[in-house]
Amino acid sequence: MSDQEAKPASASNAPNQGFFCEAPAEPCAIVMFGASGDLARRKLLPALFELYVHQCLAPRFRLVGFARTAMSDDDFRKSAGEFLPKGKEDGADDAKKAEFLKCLSYFAGNYDDPAAFKKLAARLEELDKDGQLEGNKLYYLATPPEVYQHAIEQLAAANLAKNKSGKGWTRIIIEKPFGTDEKSAKALNQKVLSVFDESQVYRIDHYLGKETVQNMLVFRFGNGIFEPLWNRNYIDSVQITASESLGVERRAAFYENAGALRDMIQSHVLQLTSLVAMEAPANFDANSVRNEKIKVLQSVRPFNKETVWKSVVRGQYGPGKVGGKDVPGYRQEPGVKPDSSTDTFVALALHVDNWRWSGVPFYLRTGKRLARPLTEVAIQFKRAPHMVFRGENSEGNSLVLNIQPDEGISLSFGAKAPGAQMHISPVQMDFKYSQAFGNASKNSYATLLNDCIRGDATLFDRADSVEAAWALVDPILEAWKNGTQPPFPNYPAGSAGPTAADDLTAQDGRRWRPL
């Protein structure tokens, strides 16, 4: 802690450093569509290797990389090897890497080519026999969204979507963005569910694989002291922040058609909101948890064209300084239109109209090129009903769940400062993951891939939840489309965002936590 560090009751009994699995998963064939892309190389292959090193993957697993780029098996293995950990991190020695890479192969083809998928089916049948994979197959769509429907149609046409023999399982992971609005999300769901059953579909949001995000459920429902306070009687407001100091980087082509509202609020930030606000599930299983999460989204007060302008602020960064270095504005980034109206910052106030949260505002904000990278959920408790200590303006207590970069939990409260006078000073108790549990896995994709292979959909999105999130966002998009755009850029890089965001909380007599 800032004053005294919190320690686990028995840190020596914690399951250890890195990824921990009690037993390997069932053997399976993994087909990674978009295998030559950045997501596959930088995130997915290292995540699978982490699972392999920690004996979470079955030794008999096989991976087929599928993409349009022509490449041999050896070239694919060499390319994949360049993105695996260097040195001997956590048992990742050269022998382990060689074993892992031997399980990889490559298949070049177009996503709308029936002949390519028939050959893929033959390849998978061969791998299943050679590796004794028991008919288990996992498809990962790590492709641009416009490819999804083509790949799904061809999987169906090649009889690869379901195991007709009844042997083994077939699952598919679909990356966000899942649609660009409610209409397109419904159309995509309809296409996916015409080929796969909902139980086979895993819509991934990598934020949900982060340890501290999962720990929200344990924190709330695994401890008896917090849940009784988790309601309108004791909580004044909730702030959820997801800020980045980076700019658009190499994602301009995607970001120009998305923006912060679609890219972050509709997915990551509303997911965090659901976890904070949900009721206790009857059981910790996929259906029970997801049933409670969607109830939160269905309880959020809908926006209309009047409330959008009062409760939502958008922004776009201009030139500024980040980390002491000059950085360009969004419109000066490569691939961005010089008169772009894309939002790189969004702040909004929403209300969950149910018994637990009535009258408690949820303030959400996300943005690029802000003062520092930070993802946190801050619970602001109400002040004491009567101040016994005159002359002291004690702040209410706050509980902060730090999701990144410093994973942990902080609780602030007032304490008497030493001296003859009754002077109250704010102090903090801090729990830090790294100190309590060592260097646990930082790869959220490893967590989610492991869950999917084991058939656990708890941390994945369901069709109705995706559509409910878009239903909340659509009125904002519509109002922006038909309304007057703010004078962009309206905040300098390296700042806390546009000043209008401060007015959003100030109109309720509150203020944002500092970035």
Protein backbone atom coordinates (compact mmCIF):
# COMPACT_ATOMS: atom_id res chain seq x y z
CA MET A 1 0.00 0.00 0.00
CA SER A 2 0.99 3.44 -0.24
CA ASP A 3 1.28 3.20 3.55
CA GLN A 4 1.45 -0.57 4.03
CA GLU A 5 1.33 -3.18 1.32
CA ALA A 6 -1.48 -5.72 1.37
CA LYS A 7 -0.25 -9.31 1.34
CA PRO A 8 -2.01 -12.54 0.43
CA ALA A 9 -2.88 -14.80 3.32
CA SER A 10 -0.58 -17.46 1.88
CA ALA A 11 1.32 -16.29 -1.15
CA SER A 12 3.39 -19.44 -1.13
CA ASN A 13 0.27 -21.47 -1.89
CA ALA A 14 -0.64 -19.41 -4.96
CA PRO A 15 -0.59 -21.46 -8.16
CA ASN A 16 2.22 -19.93 -9.66
CA GLN A 17 4.04 -17.74 -11.91
CA GLY A 18 2.72 -17.74 -15.38
CA PHE A 19 -0.13 -19.73 -16.76
CA PHE A 20 -1.43 -22.55 -14.60
CA CYS A 21 -3.42 -25.56 -15.80
CA GLU A 22 -4.30 -28.59 -13.70
CA ALA A 23 -4.42 -30.84 -16.78
CA PRO A 24 -3.90 -30.47 -20.55
CA ALA A 25 -6.92 -29.76 -22.71
CA GLU A 26 -8.29 -32.28 -25.20
CA PRO A 27 -6.29 -32.64 -28.41
CA CYS A 28 -7.61 -30.59 -31.32
CA ALA A 29 -6.85 -29.06 -34.70
CA ILE A 30 -6.78 -25.25 -34.70
CA VAL A 31 -7.38 -23.46 -37.99
CA MET A 32 -6.22 -19.86 -37.76
CA PHE A 33 -7.76 -17.80 -40.56
CA GLY A 34 -5.70 -14.67 -41.20
CA ALA A 35 -2.54 -16.43 -40.05
CA SER A 36 -0.21 -14.05 -41.91
CA GLY A 37 -1.66 -10.98 -40.16
CA ASP A 38 -0.46 -8.97 -37.17
CA LEU A 39 -3.03 -10.30 -34.70
CA ALA A 40 -2.08 -13.91 -35.41
CA ARG A 41 1.66 -13.33 -35.28
CA ARG A 42 1.88 -10.85 -32.39
CA LYS A 43 -0.88 -12.13 -30.11
CA LEU A 44 -2.36 -15.52 -30.98
CA LEU A 45 0.73 -17.60 -31.76
CA PRO A 46 2.61 -16.37 -28.65
CA ALA A 47 -0.54 -17.08 -26.59
CA LEU A 48 -0.76 -20.65 -27.90
CA PHE A 49 2.94 -21.13 -27.24
CA GLU A 50 2.41 -19.97 -23.65
CA LEU A 51 -0.30 -22.59 -23.26
CA TYR A 52 1.98 -25.21 -24.79
CA VAL A 53 4.90 -24.38 -22.48
CA HIS A 54 2.67 -24.62 -19.39
CA GLN A 55 1.15 -27.92 -20.56
CA CYS A 56 -2.33 -26.48 -21.11
CA LEU A 57 -2.43 -27.59 -24.72
CA ALA A 58 -2.51 -31.30 -25.49
CA PRO A 59 0.87 -32.45 -26.86
CA ARG A 60 -1.02 -33.81 -29.88
CA PHE A 61 -2.53 -30.46 -30.96
CA ARG A 62 -2.09 -29.28 -34.55
CA LEU A 63 -2.38 -25.78 -36.00
CA VAL A 64 -3.11 -24.89 -39.62
CA GLY A 65 -2.49 -21.30 -40.62
CA PHE A 66 -4.86 -20.23 -43.42
CA ALA A 67 -4.35 -17.01 -45.39
CA ARG A 68 -4.20 -15.69 -48.93
CA THR A 69 -0.43 -15.12 -48.82
CA ALA A 70 1.58 -17.85 -50.53
CA MET A 71 3.92 -19.53 -48.02
CA SER A 72 5.44 -22.93 -47.33
CA ASP A 73 5.09 -24.76 -44.02
CA ASP A 74 8.72 -23.97 -43.20
CA ASP A 75 8.30 -20.29 -44.04
CA PHE A 76 5.25 -20.11 -41.78
CA ARG A 77 7.11 -21.81 -38.93
CA LYS A 78 10.05 -19.45 -39.36
CA SER A 79 7.74 -16.42 -39.36
CA ALA A 80 5.90 -17.68 -36.27
CA GLY A 81 9.18 -18.36 -34.46
CA GLU A 82 10.20 -14.71 -34.80
CA PHE A 83 7.31 -13.68 -32.55
CA LEU A 84 7.83 -16.26 -29.81
CA PRO A 85 9.59 -15.22 -26.56
CA LYS A 86 13.34 -14.78 -26.80
CA GLY A 87 15.68 -16.57 -24.42
CA LYS A 88 14.48 -19.01 -21.77
CA GLU A 89 11.51 -17.16 -20.34
CA ASP A 90 9.33 -19.40 -18.15
CA GLY A 91 10.65 -22.62 -19.65
CA ALA A 92 10.44 -21.37 -23.24
CA ASP A 93 13.76 -22.83 -24.36
CA ASP A 94 14.79 -23.67 -27.92
CA ALA A 95 13.73 -27.30 -27.57
CA LYS A 96 10.19 -26.26 -26.55
CA LYS A 97 9.99 -23.82 -29.44
CA ALA A 98 11.08 -26.49 -31.90
CA GLU A 99 8.45 -28.91 -30.54
CA PHE A 100 5.74 -26.25 -30.79
CA LEU A 101 6.67 -25.11 -34.29
CA LYS A 102 6.65 -28.71 -35.52
CA CYS A 103 2.89 -28.76 -34.79
CA LEU A 104 2.30 -25.85 -37.20
CA SER A 105 1.54 -26.04 -40.91
CA TYR A 106 0.24 -23.61 -43.51
CA PHE A 107 -2.51 -23.55 -46.12
CA ALA A 108 -2.80 -20.80 -48.74
CA GLY A 109 -6.26 -20.08 -50.13
CA ASN A 110 -8.98 -17.51 -50.69
CA TYR A 111 -11.76 -17.17 -48.16
CA ASP A 112 -14.49 -17.42 -50.81
CA ASP A 113 -12.98 -20.36 -52.73
CA PRO A 114 -14.96 -23.63 -52.35
CA ALA A 115 -12.08 -25.68 -53.75
CA ALA A 116 -9.68 -24.33 -51.13
CA PHE A 117 -12.03 -25.30 -48.31
CA LYS A 118 -12.52 -28.81 -49.72
CA LYS A 119 -8.73 -29.20 -49.68
CA LEU A 120 -8.68 -27.80 -46.15
CA ALA A 121 -11.25 -30.43 -45.12
CA ALA A 122 -9.02 -33.17 -46.54
CA ARG A 123 -6.00 -31.72 -44.72
CA LEU A 124 -7.90 -31.66 -41.42
CA GLU A 125 -9.05 -35.25 -41.87
CA GLU A 126 -5.45 -36.31 -42.47
CA LEU A 127 -4.21 -34.40 -39.41
CA ASP A 128 -6.97 -35.89 -37.29
CA LYS A 129 -5.90 -39.42 -38.16
CA ASP A 130 -2.17 -38.79 -37.83
CA GLY A 131 -2.44 -36.85 -34.58
CA GLN A 132 -5.36 -38.77 -33.05
CA LEU A 133 -7.22 -35.48 -32.49
CA GLU A 134 -10.56 -37.19 -31.79
CA GLY A 135 -12.42 -35.04 -34.33
CA ASN A 136 -11.99 -31.81 -32.33
CA LYS A 137 -11.66 -28.60 -34.35
CA LEU A 138 -11.32 -24.91 -33.44
CA TYR A 139 -11.56 -22.14 -36.04
CA TYR A 140 -10.25 -18.67 -35.26
CA LEU A 141 -11.36 -15.78 -37.49
CA ALA A 142 -8.40 -13.40 -37.12
CA THR A 143 -9.28 -11.70 -40.40
CA PRO A 144 -10.77 -8.35 -41.42
CA PRO A 145 -14.53 -8.36 -40.61
CA GLU A 146 -15.54 -8.29 -44.27
CA VAL A 147 -14.11 -11.82 -44.61
CA TYR A 148 -16.23 -13.37 -41.83
CA GLN A 149 -19.30 -14.20 -43.89
CA HIS A 150 -17.27 -15.70 -46.76
CA ALA A 151 -15.29 -17.98 -44.43
CA ILE A 152 -18.42 -19.08 -42.54
CA GLU A 153 -20.27 -19.88 -45.77
CA GLN A 154 -17.35 -21.94 -47.08
CA LEU A 155 -16.95 -23.84 -43.80
CA ALA A 156 -20.62 -24.82 -44.11
CA ALA A 157 -20.28 -25.78 -47.78
CA ALA A 158 -17.27 -28.01 -47.00
CA ASN A 159 -19.15 -29.71 -44.14
CA LEU A 160 -16.64 -28.35 -41.63
CA ALA A 161 -19.07 -26.53 -39.34
CA LYS A 162 -20.43 -29.54 -37.45
CA ASN A 163 -19.22 -33.03 -36.69
CA LYS A 164 -21.87 -35.10 -38.41
CA SER A 165 -20.42 -38.34 -37.07
CA GLY A 166 -21.03 -37.12 -33.52
CA LYS A 167 -17.35 -37.53 -32.81
CA GLY A 168 -15.54 -34.65 -31.14
CA TRP A 169 -16.47 -30.94 -31.05
CA THR A 170 -16.26 -27.97 -33.40
CA ARG A 171 -15.98 -24.35 -32.18
CA ILE A 172 -15.36 -20.97 -33.77
CA ILE A 173 -13.84 -17.81 -32.28
CA ILE A 174 -14.90 -14.54 -33.92
CA GLU A 175 -12.93 -11.35 -33.30
CA LYS A 176 -14.48 -7.95 -32.73
CA PRO A 177 -15.76 -5.76 -34.28
CA PHE A 178 -18.94 -7.83 -34.48
CA GLY A 179 -20.85 -5.54 -36.82
CA THR A 180 -20.78 -1.74 -37.16
CA ASP A 181 -24.28 -1.12 -35.76
CA GLU A 182 -27.24 -3.10 -34.45
CA LYS A 183 -28.54 -3.94 -37.94
CA SER A 184 -25.22 -5.33 -39.19
CA ALA A 185 -24.63 -7.20 -35.90
CA LYS A 186 -28.02 -8.90 -36.24
CA ALA A 187 -27.28 -9.82 -39.86
CA LEU A 188 -23.92 -11.30 -38.89
CA ASN A 189 -25.46 -13.22 -35.99
CA GLN A 190 -28.10 -14.57 -38.35
CA LYS A 191 -25.42 -15.75 -40.78
CA VAL A 192 -23.27 -17.31 -38.06
CA LEU A 193 -26.20 -19.07 -36.37
CA SER A 194 -27.47 -20.44 -39.68
CA VAL A 195 -24.24 -22.47 -39.80
CA PHE A 196 -23.18 -22.96 -36.17
CA ASP A 197 -25.14 -23.46 -32.95
CA GLU A 198 -24.80 -20.69 -30.36
CA SER A 199 -22.98 -23.18 -28.11
CA GLN A 200 -20.24 -23.44 -30.77
CA VAL A 201 -19.69 -19.69 -31.15
CA TYR A 202 -17.16 -17.74 -29.05
CA ARG A 203 -17.25 -13.97 -29.71
CA ILE A 204 -14.02 -12.77 -28.20
CA ASP A 205 -13.21 -9.55 -26.37
CA HIS A 206 -9.62 -9.78 -25.15
CA TYR A 207 -10.31 -7.36 -22.27
CA LEU A 208 -12.29 -10.11 -20.55
CA GLY A 209 -9.18 -12.29 -20.46
CA LYS A 210 -7.31 -9.86 -18.23
CA GLU A 211 -6.79 -11.12 -14.67
CA THR A 212 -8.16 -7.99 -13.01
CA VAL A 213 -11.30 -8.01 -15.14
CA GLN A 214 -12.02 -11.59 -14.11
CA ASN A 215 -11.15 -10.68 -10.53
CA MET A 216 -14.09 -8.26 -10.44
CA LEU A 217 -16.38 -11.27 -10.12
CA VAL A 218 -14.26 -12.83 -7.38
CA PHE A 219 -13.92 -9.51 -5.58
CA ARG A 220 -17.66 -8.91 -5.57
CA PHE A 221 -19.07 -12.39 -5.12
CA GLY A 222 -16.23 -14.24 -3.37
CA ASN A 223 -15.92 -11.85 -0.43
CA GLY A 224 -18.60 -11.11 2.14
CA ILE A 225 -17.56 -7.55 3.01
CA PHE A 226 -18.04 -5.69 -0.29
CA GLU A 227 -21.29 -6.87 -1.86
CA PRO A 228 -23.54 -5.43 0.92
CA LEU A 229 -22.14 -1.97 0.03
CA TRP A 230 -22.43 -2.45 -3.73
CA ASN A 231 -25.60 -0.43 -4.36
CA ARG A 232 -27.28 2.99 -4.47
CA ASN A 233 -27.39 3.25 -0.67
CA TYR A 234 -23.61 3.50 -0.35
CA ILE A 235 -22.22 4.28 -3.83
CA ASP A 236 -22.30 7.84 -5.16
CA SER A 237 -21.02 7.20 -8.69
CA VAL A 238 -18.93 4.88 -10.85
CA GLN A 239 -16.17 5.94 -13.26
CA ILE A 240 -14.75 3.63 -15.92
CA THR A 241 -11.69 4.89 -17.81
CA ALA A 242 -9.88 3.26 -20.74
CA SER A 243 -7.24 5.72 -21.90
CA GLU A 244 -4.33 5.27 -24.29
CA SER A 245 -1.27 7.42 -24.83
CA LEU A 246 -0.75 5.89 -28.28
CA GLY A 247 -2.30 7.31 -31.41
CA VAL A 248 -3.98 5.42 -34.21
CA GLU A 249 -0.67 3.73 -35.13
CA ARG A 250 -1.10 1.45 -38.18
CA ARG A 251 -4.87 1.09 -37.81
CA ALA A 252 -5.97 4.20 -39.73
CA ALA A 253 -7.85 2.20 -42.39
CA PHE A 254 -9.91 0.50 -39.68
CA TYR A 255 -10.15 3.43 -37.30
CA GLU A 256 -11.45 5.93 -39.87
CA ASN A 257 -14.57 3.78 -40.22
CA ALA A 258 -14.87 2.96 -36.52
CA GLY A 259 -13.82 5.61 -34.02
CA ALA A 260 -13.66 5.38 -30.24
CA LEU A 261 -17.40 4.83 -29.71
CA ARG A 262 -17.54 1.74 -31.92
CA ASP A 263 -14.04 0.48 -31.12
CA MET A 264 -14.06 0.84 -27.34
CA ILE A 265 -17.37 1.89 -25.77
CA GLN A 266 -19.59 -0.65 -27.55
CA SER A 267 -17.33 -3.54 -26.58
CA HIS A 268 -14.66 -3.20 -23.87
CA VAL A 269 -16.17 -0.41 -21.79
CA LEU A 270 -19.75 -1.72 -21.78
CA GLN A 271 -18.38 -5.16 -20.87
CA LEU A 272 -16.71 -3.62 -17.82
CA THR A 273 -19.94 -1.79 -16.99
CA SER A 274 -21.86 -5.08 -17.07
CA LEU A 275 -19.40 -6.79 -14.73
CA VAL A 276 -19.51 -3.90 -12.24
CA ALA A 277 -23.32 -3.62 -12.24
CA MET A 278 -24.53 -7.23 -12.64
CA GLU A 279 -26.38 -9.20 -9.99
CA ALA A 280 -24.84 -12.34 -8.47
CA PRO A 281 -25.24 -15.30 -10.86
CA ALA A 282 -26.87 -18.46 -9.55
CA ASN A 283 -23.76 -20.40 -10.60
CA PHE A 284 -20.40 -19.54 -12.09
CA ASP A 285 -21.11 -20.95 -15.53
CA ALA A 286 -21.46 -19.38 -18.95
CA ASN A 287 -25.24 -19.11 -19.11
CA SER A 288 -25.70 -17.83 -15.55
CA VAL A 289 -23.02 -15.13 -15.84
CA ARG A 290 -24.08 -14.00 -19.30
CA ASN A 291 -27.76 -13.90 -18.30
CA GLU A 292 -26.91 -11.41 -15.54
CA LYS A 293 -24.66 -9.31 -17.79
CA ILE A 294 -27.31 -8.77 -20.43
CA LYS A 295 -29.83 -7.72 -17.78
CA VAL A 296 -27.56 -4.75 -17.06
CA LEU A 297 -27.46 -3.68 -20.72
CA GLN A 298 -31.23 -4.03 -20.95
CA SER A 299 -31.59 -1.82 -17.86
CA VAL A 300 -29.47 1.06 -19.18
CA ARG A 301 -31.60 4.11 -19.88
CA PRO A 302 -31.68 4.50 -23.70
CA PHE A 303 -30.25 7.62 -25.30
CA ASN A 304 -32.36 9.79 -27.59
CA LYS A 305 -31.49 12.74 -29.83
CA GLU A 306 -31.97 15.18 -26.94
CA THR A 307 -30.07 13.32 -24.21
CA VAL A 308 -27.13 12.52 -26.51
CA TRP A 309 -26.10 16.18 -26.61
CA LYS A 310 -26.34 16.51 -22.83
CA SER A 311 -24.81 13.19 -21.81
CA VAL A 312 -22.21 12.35 -24.48
CA VAL A 313 -19.01 14.20 -25.45
CA ARG A 314 -16.79 13.33 -28.39
CA GLY A 315 -13.35 14.58 -29.31
CA GLN A 316 -10.44 14.24 -31.68
CA TYR A 317 -6.81 14.82 -30.75
CA GLY A 318 -4.64 17.49 -32.29
CA PRO A 319 -0.84 17.89 -32.19
CA GLY A 320 0.74 17.87 -28.74
CA LYS A 321 3.35 16.28 -26.49
CA VAL A 322 3.24 12.75 -25.07
CA GLY A 323 6.07 11.61 -22.83
CA GLY A 324 7.97 14.81 -23.63
CA LYS A 325 7.90 14.13 -27.39
CA ASP A 326 6.03 16.06 -30.06
CA VAL A 327 3.34 13.94 -31.72
CA PRO A 328 1.07 14.73 -34.68
CA GLY A 329 -2.67 15.27 -34.51
CA TYR A 330 -5.07 12.60 -35.71
CA ARG A 331 -5.62 14.33 -39.06
CA GLN A 332 -1.86 14.30 -39.67
CA GLU A 333 -1.55 10.54 -39.09
CA PRO A 334 -0.74 8.40 -42.20
CA GLY A 335 -3.92 7.13 -43.87
CA VAL A 336 -6.25 9.62 -42.14
CA LYS A 337 -8.32 12.11 -44.15
CA PRO A 338 -7.19 15.72 -43.59
CA ASP A 339 -10.76 16.73 -42.69
CA SER A 340 -11.64 13.53 -40.80
CA SER A 341 -14.61 13.69 -38.41
CA THR A 342 -13.70 10.41 -36.66
CA ASP A 343 -13.94 10.45 -32.86
CA THR A 344 -10.79 9.49 -30.97
CA PHE A 345 -12.32 10.34 -27.56
CA VAL A 346 -15.73 9.66 -26.05
CA ALA A 347 -17.08 10.42 -22.58
CA LEU A 348 -20.65 9.69 -21.53
CA ALA A 349 -22.91 9.47 -18.53
CA LEU A 350 -25.36 6.60 -18.37
CA HIS A 351 -27.89 5.35 -15.85
CA VAL A 352 -28.79 1.76 -14.99
CA ASP A 353 -32.48 1.92 -14.17
CA ASN A 354 -32.94 -0.92 -11.74
CA TRP A 355 -33.40 -1.36 -7.99
CA ARG A 356 -29.66 -1.64 -7.19
CA TRP A 357 -28.40 1.32 -9.22
CA SER A 358 -31.24 3.83 -9.40
CA GLY A 359 -29.82 7.36 -9.16
CA VAL A 360 -26.15 6.29 -9.45
CA PRO A 361 -24.47 7.77 -12.56
CA PHE A 362 -21.90 5.71 -14.48
CA TYR A 363 -19.31 7.92 -16.18
CA LEU A 364 -17.45 6.22 -19.02
CA ARG A 365 -14.53 7.64 -21.01
CA THR A 366 -12.03 6.38 -23.52
CA GLY A 367 -9.57 8.06 -25.81
CA LYS A 368 -6.34 7.97 -27.76
CA ARG A 369 -3.30 10.19 -27.22
CA LEU A 370 -4.30 10.99 -23.65
CA ALA A 371 -1.93 11.84 -20.81
CA ARG A 372 -1.15 8.21 -19.92
CA PRO A 373 -2.31 4.67 -20.59
CA LEU A 374 -4.79 3.62 -17.91
CA THR A 375 -7.74 1.27 -17.58
CA GLU A 376 -9.56 1.37 -14.26
CA VAL A 377 -12.94 1.08 -12.59
CA ALA A 378 -13.41 3.57 -9.75
CA ILE A 379 -16.23 3.16 -7.24
CA GLN A 380 -16.87 6.44 -5.42
CA PHE A 381 -18.69 5.90 -2.14
CA LYS A 382 -20.93 8.47 -0.53
CA ARG A 383 -19.55 10.72 2.17
CA ALA A 384 -20.35 10.09 5.82
CA PRO A 385 -23.87 11.38 6.50
CA HIS A 386 -22.68 13.70 9.28
CA MET A 387 -19.18 15.17 9.65
CA VAL A 388 -18.22 14.90 13.31
CA PHE A 389 -14.81 16.51 12.69
CA ARG A 390 -15.54 20.17 12.10
CA GLY A 391 -13.46 22.06 9.61
CA GLU A 392 -12.50 18.89 7.77
CA ASN A 393 -13.88 18.31 4.29
CA SER A 394 -13.21 14.59 4.12
CA GLU A 395 -13.58 13.06 0.68
CA GLY A 396 -15.75 9.98 0.30
CA ASN A 397 -13.99 6.64 0.16
CA SER A 398 -13.08 5.23 -3.22
CA LEU A 399 -12.31 1.73 -4.39
CA VAL A 400 -10.29 1.49 -7.60
CA LEU A 401 -9.83 -1.69 -9.63
CA ASN A 402 -6.71 -1.12 -11.69
CA ILE A 403 -6.92 -3.21 -14.86
CA GLN A 404 -3.78 -1.91 -16.57
CA PRO A 405 -0.94 -1.13 -16.48
CA ASP A 406 -0.55 -1.71 -12.70
CA GLU A 407 -2.95 -4.57 -12.07
CA GLY A 408 -4.42 -4.44 -8.59
CA ILE A 409 -6.99 -2.91 -6.24
CA SER A 410 -6.75 0.29 -4.17
CA LEU A 411 -8.97 1.43 -1.30
CA SER A 412 -8.78 5.03 -0.08
CA PHE A 413 -10.02 6.25 3.27
CA GLY A 414 -9.39 9.06 5.72
CA ALA A 415 -7.00 8.70 8.68
CA LYS A 416 -5.86 11.11 11.38
CA ALA A 417 -2.51 12.65 10.56
CA PRO A 418 0.01 12.74 13.44
CA GLY A 419 -0.11 15.89 15.54
CA ALA A 420 -2.08 17.79 18.13
CA GLN A 421 -4.78 18.90 15.71
CA MET A 422 -7.56 16.69 14.32
CA HIS A 423 -6.42 16.70 10.73
CA ILE A 424 -7.71 14.00 8.36
CA SER A 425 -5.47 12.86 5.51
CA PRO A 426 -6.42 10.49 2.71
CA VAL A 427 -4.46 7.22 2.70
CA GLN A 428 -4.53 4.13 0.49
CA MET A 429 -4.34 0.39 0.88
CA ASP A 430 -3.02 -1.19 -2.31
CA PHE A 431 -3.12 -4.78 -3.48
CA LYS A 432 -0.82 -5.47 -6.43
CA TYR A 433 -0.99 -8.63 -8.50
CA SER A 434 2.71 -8.71 -9.26
CA GLN A 435 3.66 -8.58 -5.58
CA ALA A 436 1.07 -11.12 -4.46
CA PHE A 437 1.32 -13.69 -7.22
CA GLY A 438 4.56 -13.01 -9.08
CA ASN A 439 4.76 -12.68 -12.82
CA ALA A 440 1.40 -14.09 -13.79
CA SER A 441 0.54 -14.31 -17.47
CA LYS A 442 -0.02 -10.98 -19.15
CA ASN A 443 -1.50 -12.53 -22.30
CA SER A 444 -5.28 -12.30 -22.09
CA TYR A 445 -5.54 -14.25 -25.36
CA ALA A 446 -3.92 -17.25 -23.64
CA THR A 447 -6.67 -17.22 -21.01
CA LEU A 448 -9.45 -17.02 -23.59
CA LEU A 449 -7.98 -19.59 -25.97
CA ASN A 450 -7.57 -21.98 -23.07
CA ASP A 451 -11.21 -21.44 -22.03
CA CYS A 452 -12.50 -22.00 -25.56
CA ILE A 453 -10.55 -25.21 -26.07
CA ARG A 454 -12.03 -26.46 -22.78
CA GLY A 455 -15.57 -25.42 -23.80
CA ASP A 456 -15.99 -22.64 -21.22
CA ALA A 457 -17.84 -19.66 -22.78
CA THR A 458 -18.18 -17.62 -19.56
CA LEU A 459 -15.83 -14.86 -20.73
CA PHE A 460 -17.19 -14.69 -24.28
CA ASP A 461 -20.06 -12.64 -25.68
CA ARG A 462 -23.44 -14.06 -26.63
CA ALA A 463 -25.50 -12.94 -29.64
CA ASP A 464 -28.13 -11.12 -27.60
CA SER A 465 -25.48 -9.25 -25.58
CA VAL A 466 -23.71 -7.98 -28.71
CA GLU A 467 -26.99 -6.72 -30.13
CA ALA A 468 -28.00 -5.09 -26.83
CA ALA A 469 -24.70 -3.16 -26.71
CA TRP A 470 -25.21 -1.90 -30.27
CA ALA A 471 -28.78 -0.90 -29.42
CA LEU A 472 -27.37 1.46 -26.78
CA VAL A 473 -24.74 2.94 -29.10
CA ASP A 474 -26.86 3.34 -32.26
CA PRO A 475 -28.84 6.44 -31.09
CA ILE A 476 -25.53 8.21 -30.39
CA LEU A 477 -24.20 7.39 -33.85
CA GLU A 478 -27.46 8.55 -35.42
CA ALA A 479 -27.45 11.85 -33.50
CA TRP A 480 -23.85 12.53 -34.48
CA LYS A 481 -24.62 11.75 -38.11
CA ASN A 482 -27.46 14.27 -38.24
CA GLY A 483 -26.13 16.87 -35.79
CA THR A 484 -23.40 19.50 -35.72
CA GLN A 485 -19.85 18.27 -35.34
CA PRO A 486 -17.62 19.88 -32.68
CA PRO A 487 -14.67 21.92 -33.98
CA PHE A 488 -12.11 19.12 -34.40
CA PRO A 489 -9.44 18.79 -33.16
CA ASN A 490 -10.69 19.77 -29.72
CA TYR A 491 -8.02 18.41 -27.38
CA PRO A 492 -4.22 18.37 -27.63
CA ALA A 493 -2.36 15.06 -27.54
CA GLY A 494 -1.04 14.41 -24.03
CA SER A 495 -4.02 16.01 -22.26
CA ALA A 496 -6.99 14.52 -20.39
CA GLY A 497 -9.36 15.10 -23.32
CA PRO A 498 -11.71 17.92 -24.34
CA THR A 499 -12.83 20.41 -21.69
CA ALA A 500 -16.45 19.54 -22.50
CA ALA A 501 -15.83 16.18 -20.81
CA ASP A 502 -15.18 18.03 -17.54
CA ASP A 503 -18.52 19.79 -17.92
CA LEU A 504 -20.21 16.40 -18.21
CA THR A 505 -19.35 15.50 -14.61
CA ALA A 506 -19.38 19.08 -13.30
CA GLN A 507 -23.06 19.50 -14.19
CA ASP A 508 -23.74 16.76 -11.61
CA GLY A 509 -21.41 18.29 -9.01
CA ARG A 510 -18.67 15.68 -9.61
CA ARG A 511 -15.30 15.53 -11.35
CA TRP A 512 -13.22 12.99 -13.22
CA ARG A 513 -10.37 11.22 -11.49
CA PRO A 514 -7.06 12.70 -12.74
CA LEU A 515 -5.26 10.98 -15.59
